[in-house]
Amino acid sequence: MSDPEALGQTLATVNAGLNSLSAVFLLAGYGFAKAHKPAAHKKCMMAALAVSAVFLVCYLTRFWLTGAHRYSGDGPLRIIYFGMLFSHMTLAAATPPLALRAAWLASHGRIDEHRRLVRYAWPVWLYVSVTGVLVYLMLYHV
């Protein structure tokens, strides 16, 4: 695939898949935490972290290849798109330090601090994962 635009299009789809997979791992990890299954919780959350790291590499590669894309919709959908995009981008910038700090706290046995942080970090991360897919769908398929 030597065409940067085609590779960028493919990476956009891959990124949506990675965001979806991250959301699945986040939801499963939450379920395992609530079920008091710490080993399964840790595996899911580390998988979510790894998938998100791969997403970041793919996203930056796609952006480097093709730059920003313009949303072509209009009317109410345009307002919804830009509102969602703004909140997604803002919270996406906060997600890596929150997720890394949460993982660090858990790995150092500081579970009370971990729980206090993830009360806010987990829903932010999930929101970013889900809205990433929605932004992709609106940008490329609506």
C-alpha atoms as a PDB file:
ATOM      1  CA  MET A   1       0.000   0.000   0.000  1.00  0.00           C
ATOM      2  CA  SER A   2       2.177   2.820  -1.260  1.00  0.00           C
ATOM      3  CA  ASP A   3      -0.575   5.446  -1.447  1.00  0.00           C
ATOM      4  CA  PRO A   4      -0.470   7.526   1.788  1.00  0.00           C
ATOM      5  CA  GLU A   5      -4.151   8.468   1.453  1.00  0.00           C
ATOM      6  CA  ALA A   6      -5.192   4.808   1.172  1.00  0.00           C
ATOM      7  CA  LEU A   7      -2.997   3.864   4.125  1.00  0.00           C
ATOM      8  CA  GLY A   8      -4.472   6.762   6.101  1.00  0.00           C
ATOM      9  CA  GLN A   9      -7.996   5.524   5.318  1.00  0.00           C
ATOM     10  CA  THR A  10      -7.052   2.017   6.416  1.00  0.00           C
ATOM     11  CA  LEU A  11      -5.480   3.316   9.619  1.00  0.00           C
ATOM     12  CA  ALA A  12      -8.624   5.329  10.395  1.00  0.00           C
ATOM     13  CA  THR A  13     -10.617   2.089  10.281  1.00  0.00           C
ATOM     14  CA  VAL A  14      -7.976   0.262  12.333  1.00  0.00           C
ATOM     15  CA  ASN A  15      -8.123   3.078  14.902  1.00  0.00           C
ATOM     16  CA  ALA A  16     -11.893   2.737  15.225  1.00  0.00           C
ATOM     17  CA  GLY A  17     -11.415  -0.986  15.809  1.00  0.00           C
ATOM     18  CA  LEU A  18      -8.738  -0.347  18.419  1.00  0.00           C
ATOM     19  CA  ASN A  19     -10.992   2.157  20.205  1.00  0.00           C
ATOM     20  CA  SER A  20     -13.808  -0.408  20.179  1.00  0.00           C
ATOM     21  CA  LEU A  21     -11.507  -3.086  21.560  1.00  0.00           C
ATOM     22  CA  SER A  22     -10.282  -0.727  24.260  1.00  0.00           C
ATOM     23  CA  ALA A  23     -13.885  -0.068  25.298  1.00  0.00           C
ATOM     24  CA  VAL A  24     -14.561  -3.825  25.492  1.00  0.00           C
ATOM     25  CA  PHE A  25     -11.500  -4.365  27.703  1.00  0.00           C
ATOM     26  CA  LEU A  26     -12.476  -1.400  29.894  1.00  0.00           C
ATOM     27  CA  LEU A  27     -16.001  -2.746  30.391  1.00  0.00           C
ATOM     28  CA  ALA A  28     -14.756  -6.273  31.073  1.00  0.00           C
ATOM     29  CA  GLY A  29     -12.125  -4.953  33.479  1.00  0.00           C
ATOM     30  CA  TYR A  30     -14.779  -2.988  35.336  1.00  0.00           C
ATOM     31  CA  GLY A  31     -16.931  -6.099  35.577  1.00  0.00           C
ATOM     32  CA  PHE A  32     -14.051  -8.150  36.947  1.00  0.00           C
ATOM     33  CA  ALA A  33     -13.229  -5.443  39.501  1.00  0.00           C
ATOM     34  CA  LYS A  34     -16.851  -5.416  40.694  1.00  0.00           C
ATOM     35  CA  ALA A  35     -16.809  -9.235  40.850  1.00  0.00           C
ATOM     36  CA  HIS A  36     -13.643  -9.119  42.999  1.00  0.00           C
ATOM     37  CA  LYS A  37     -11.523 -10.931  40.415  1.00  0.00           C
ATOM     38  CA  PRO A  38      -8.316  -8.868  40.556  1.00  0.00           C
ATOM     39  CA  ALA A  39      -6.227 -11.067  38.240  1.00  0.00           C
ATOM     40  CA  ALA A  40      -8.795 -10.900  35.436  1.00  0.00           C
ATOM     41  CA  HIS A  41      -9.308  -7.180  36.120  1.00  0.00           C
ATOM     42  CA  LYS A  42      -5.581  -6.533  35.790  1.00  0.00           C
ATOM     43  CA  LYS A  43      -5.331  -8.503  32.525  1.00  0.00           C
ATOM     44  CA  CYS A  44      -8.219  -6.569  30.972  1.00  0.00           C
ATOM     45  CA  MET A  45      -6.932  -3.188  32.086  1.00  0.00           C
ATOM     46  CA  MET A  46      -3.399  -3.910  30.882  1.00  0.00           C
ATOM     47  CA  ALA A  47      -4.883  -5.060  27.562  1.00  0.00           C
ATOM     48  CA  ALA A  48      -6.859  -1.798  27.355  1.00  0.00           C
ATOM     49  CA  LEU A  49      -3.657   0.129  28.040  1.00  0.00           C
ATOM     50  CA  ALA A  50      -1.739  -1.814  25.377  1.00  0.00           C
ATOM     51  CA  VAL A  51      -4.508  -1.430  22.780  1.00  0.00           C
ATOM     52  CA  SER A  52      -4.682   2.290  23.522  1.00  0.00           C
ATOM     53  CA  ALA A  53      -0.910   2.609  23.080  1.00  0.00           C
ATOM     54  CA  VAL A  54      -1.131   0.880  19.681  1.00  0.00           C
ATOM     55  CA  PHE A  55      -4.026   3.202  18.827  1.00  0.00           C
ATOM     56  CA  LEU A  56      -1.896   6.252  19.635  1.00  0.00           C
ATOM     57  CA  VAL A  57       0.906   5.078  17.334  1.00  0.00           C
ATOM     58  CA  CYS A  58      -1.560   4.333  14.525  1.00  0.00           C
ATOM     59  CA  TYR A  59      -3.394   7.635  15.030  1.00  0.00           C
ATOM     60  CA  LEU A  60      -0.196   9.685  14.915  1.00  0.00           C
ATOM     61  CA  THR A  61       0.903   7.777  11.810  1.00  0.00           C
ATOM     62  CA  ARG A  62      -2.446   8.418  10.124  1.00  0.00           C
ATOM     63  CA  PHE A  63      -2.313  12.093  11.033  1.00  0.00           C
ATOM     64  CA  TRP A  64       1.256  12.380   9.734  1.00  0.00           C
ATOM     65  CA  LEU A  65       0.248  10.737   6.448  1.00  0.00           C
ATOM     66  CA  THR A  66      -3.018  12.550   5.740  1.00  0.00           C
ATOM     67  CA  GLY A  67      -3.403  15.429   8.193  1.00  0.00           C
ATOM     68  CA  ALA A  68      -6.699  16.580   9.625  1.00  0.00           C
ATOM     69  CA  HIS A  69      -9.917  15.648   7.869  1.00  0.00           C
ATOM     70  CA  ARG A  70     -12.831  18.002   7.340  1.00  0.00           C
ATOM     71  CA  TYR A  71     -16.324  17.040   8.420  1.00  0.00           C
ATOM     72  CA  SER A  72     -18.650  17.539   5.461  1.00  0.00           C
ATOM     73  CA  GLY A  73     -21.992  17.269   7.256  1.00  0.00           C
ATOM     74  CA  ASP A  74     -24.235  20.208   8.004  1.00  0.00           C
ATOM     75  CA  GLY A  75     -27.161  21.234  10.167  1.00  0.00           C
ATOM     76  CA  PRO A  76     -27.693  19.645  13.570  1.00  0.00           C
ATOM     77  CA  LEU A  77     -25.275  16.795  12.815  1.00  0.00           C
ATOM     78  CA  ARG A  78     -22.474  19.313  12.342  1.00  0.00           C
ATOM     79  CA  ILE A  79     -23.130  20.800  15.789  1.00  0.00           C
ATOM     80  CA  ILE A  80     -23.267  17.323  17.350  1.00  0.00           C
ATOM     81  CA  TYR A  81     -20.070  16.280  15.564  1.00  0.00           C
ATOM     82  CA  PHE A  82     -18.033  19.290  16.657  1.00  0.00           C
ATOM     83  CA  GLY A  83     -19.377  19.148  20.212  1.00  0.00           C
ATOM     84  CA  MET A  84     -18.431  15.498  20.454  1.00  0.00           C
ATOM     85  CA  LEU A  85     -15.078  16.073  18.746  1.00  0.00           C
ATOM     86  CA  PHE A  86     -14.162  18.911  21.119  1.00  0.00           C
ATOM     87  CA  SER A  87     -15.023  16.897  24.235  1.00  0.00           C
ATOM     88  CA  HIS A  88     -13.295  13.811  22.803  1.00  0.00           C
ATOM     89  CA  MET A  89     -10.077  15.670  22.010  1.00  0.00           C
ATOM     90  CA  THR A  90      -9.980  17.477  25.341  1.00  0.00           C
ATOM     91  CA  LEU A  91     -10.524  14.316  27.363  1.00  0.00           C
ATOM     92  CA  ALA A  92      -8.240  12.255  25.097  1.00  0.00           C
ATOM     93  CA  ALA A  93      -5.359  14.520  26.096  1.00  0.00           C
ATOM     94  CA  ALA A  94      -6.065  13.788  29.767  1.00  0.00           C
ATOM     95  CA  THR A  95      -6.522  10.034  29.389  1.00  0.00           C
ATOM     96  CA  PRO A  96      -2.900   8.793  29.039  1.00  0.00           C
ATOM     97  CA  PRO A  97      -1.605  10.408  32.249  1.00  0.00           C
ATOM     98  CA  LEU A  98      -4.724   9.292  34.139  1.00  0.00           C
ATOM     99  CA  ALA A  99      -4.492   5.712  32.859  1.00  0.00           C
ATOM    100  CA  LEU A 100      -0.750   5.477  33.469  1.00  0.00           C
ATOM    101  CA  ARG A 101      -1.091   6.885  36.972  1.00  0.00           C
ATOM    102  CA  ALA A 102      -3.905   4.446  37.764  1.00  0.00           C
ATOM    103  CA  ALA A 103      -1.792   1.526  36.515  1.00  0.00           C
ATOM    104  CA  TRP A 104       1.213   2.745  38.500  1.00  0.00           C
ATOM    105  CA  LEU A 105      -0.803   3.067  41.701  1.00  0.00           C
ATOM    106  CA  ALA A 106      -2.261  -0.419  41.305  1.00  0.00           C
ATOM    107  CA  SER A 107       1.124  -1.962  40.489  1.00  0.00           C
ATOM    108  CA  HIS A 108       2.569  -0.437  43.662  1.00  0.00           C
ATOM    109  CA  GLY A 109      -0.241  -1.767  45.825  1.00  0.00           C
ATOM    110  CA  ARG A 110      -1.723   1.662  46.483  1.00  0.00           C
ATOM    111  CA  ILE A 111      -5.228   0.350  45.900  1.00  0.00           C
ATOM    112  CA  ASP A 112      -7.155   3.003  47.857  1.00  0.00           C
ATOM    113  CA  GLU A 113      -5.516   5.768  45.812  1.00  0.00           C
ATOM    114  CA  HIS A 114      -6.037   3.720  42.645  1.00  0.00           C
ATOM    115  CA  ARG A 115      -9.762   3.418  43.403  1.00  0.00           C
ATOM    116  CA  ARG A 116     -10.106   7.145  44.096  1.00  0.00           C
ATOM    117  CA  LEU A 117      -8.430   7.995  40.789  1.00  0.00           C
ATOM    118  CA  VAL A 118     -10.269   5.469  38.613  1.00  0.00           C
ATOM    119  CA  ARG A 119     -13.592   6.740  39.884  1.00  0.00           C
ATOM    120  CA  TYR A 120     -12.909   9.607  37.448  1.00  0.00           C
ATOM    121  CA  ALA A 121     -10.301   8.165  35.080  1.00  0.00           C
ATOM    122  CA  TRP A 122     -12.237   5.060  34.007  1.00  0.00           C
ATOM    123  CA  PRO A 123     -15.372   6.874  32.741  1.00  0.00           C
ATOM    124  CA  VAL A 124     -13.199   9.437  30.965  1.00  0.00           C
ATOM    125  CA  TRP A 125     -11.205   6.687  29.238  1.00  0.00           C
ATOM    126  CA  LEU A 126     -14.381   4.815  28.280  1.00  0.00           C
ATOM    127  CA  TYR A 127     -15.957   8.017  26.935  1.00  0.00           C
ATOM    128  CA  VAL A 128     -12.867   8.723  24.832  1.00  0.00           C
ATOM    129  CA  SER A 129     -12.875   5.177  23.441  1.00  0.00           C
ATOM    130  CA  VAL A 130     -16.571   5.247  22.532  1.00  0.00           C
ATOM    131  CA  THR A 131     -16.598   8.780  21.128  1.00  0.00           C
ATOM    132  CA  GLY A 132     -13.503   7.925  19.093  1.00  0.00           C
ATOM    133  CA  VAL A 133     -15.584   5.331  17.262  1.00  0.00           C
ATOM    134  CA  LEU A 134     -18.505   7.745  16.883  1.00  0.00           C
ATOM    135  CA  VAL A 135     -16.249  10.496  15.501  1.00  0.00           C
ATOM    136  CA  TYR A 136     -14.841   7.987  13.000  1.00  0.00           C
ATOM    137  CA  LEU A 137     -18.329   6.909  11.913  1.00  0.00           C
ATOM    138  CA  MET A 138     -19.497  10.493  11.491  1.00  0.00           C
ATOM    139  CA  LEU A 139     -16.350  11.578   9.680  1.00  0.00           C
ATOM    140  CA  TYR A 140     -16.031   8.641   7.293  1.00  0.00           C
ATOM    141  CA  HIS A 141     -19.497   7.083   7.017  1.00  0.00           C
ATOM    142  CA  VAL A 142     -22.230   9.663   7.701  1.00  0.00           C
END
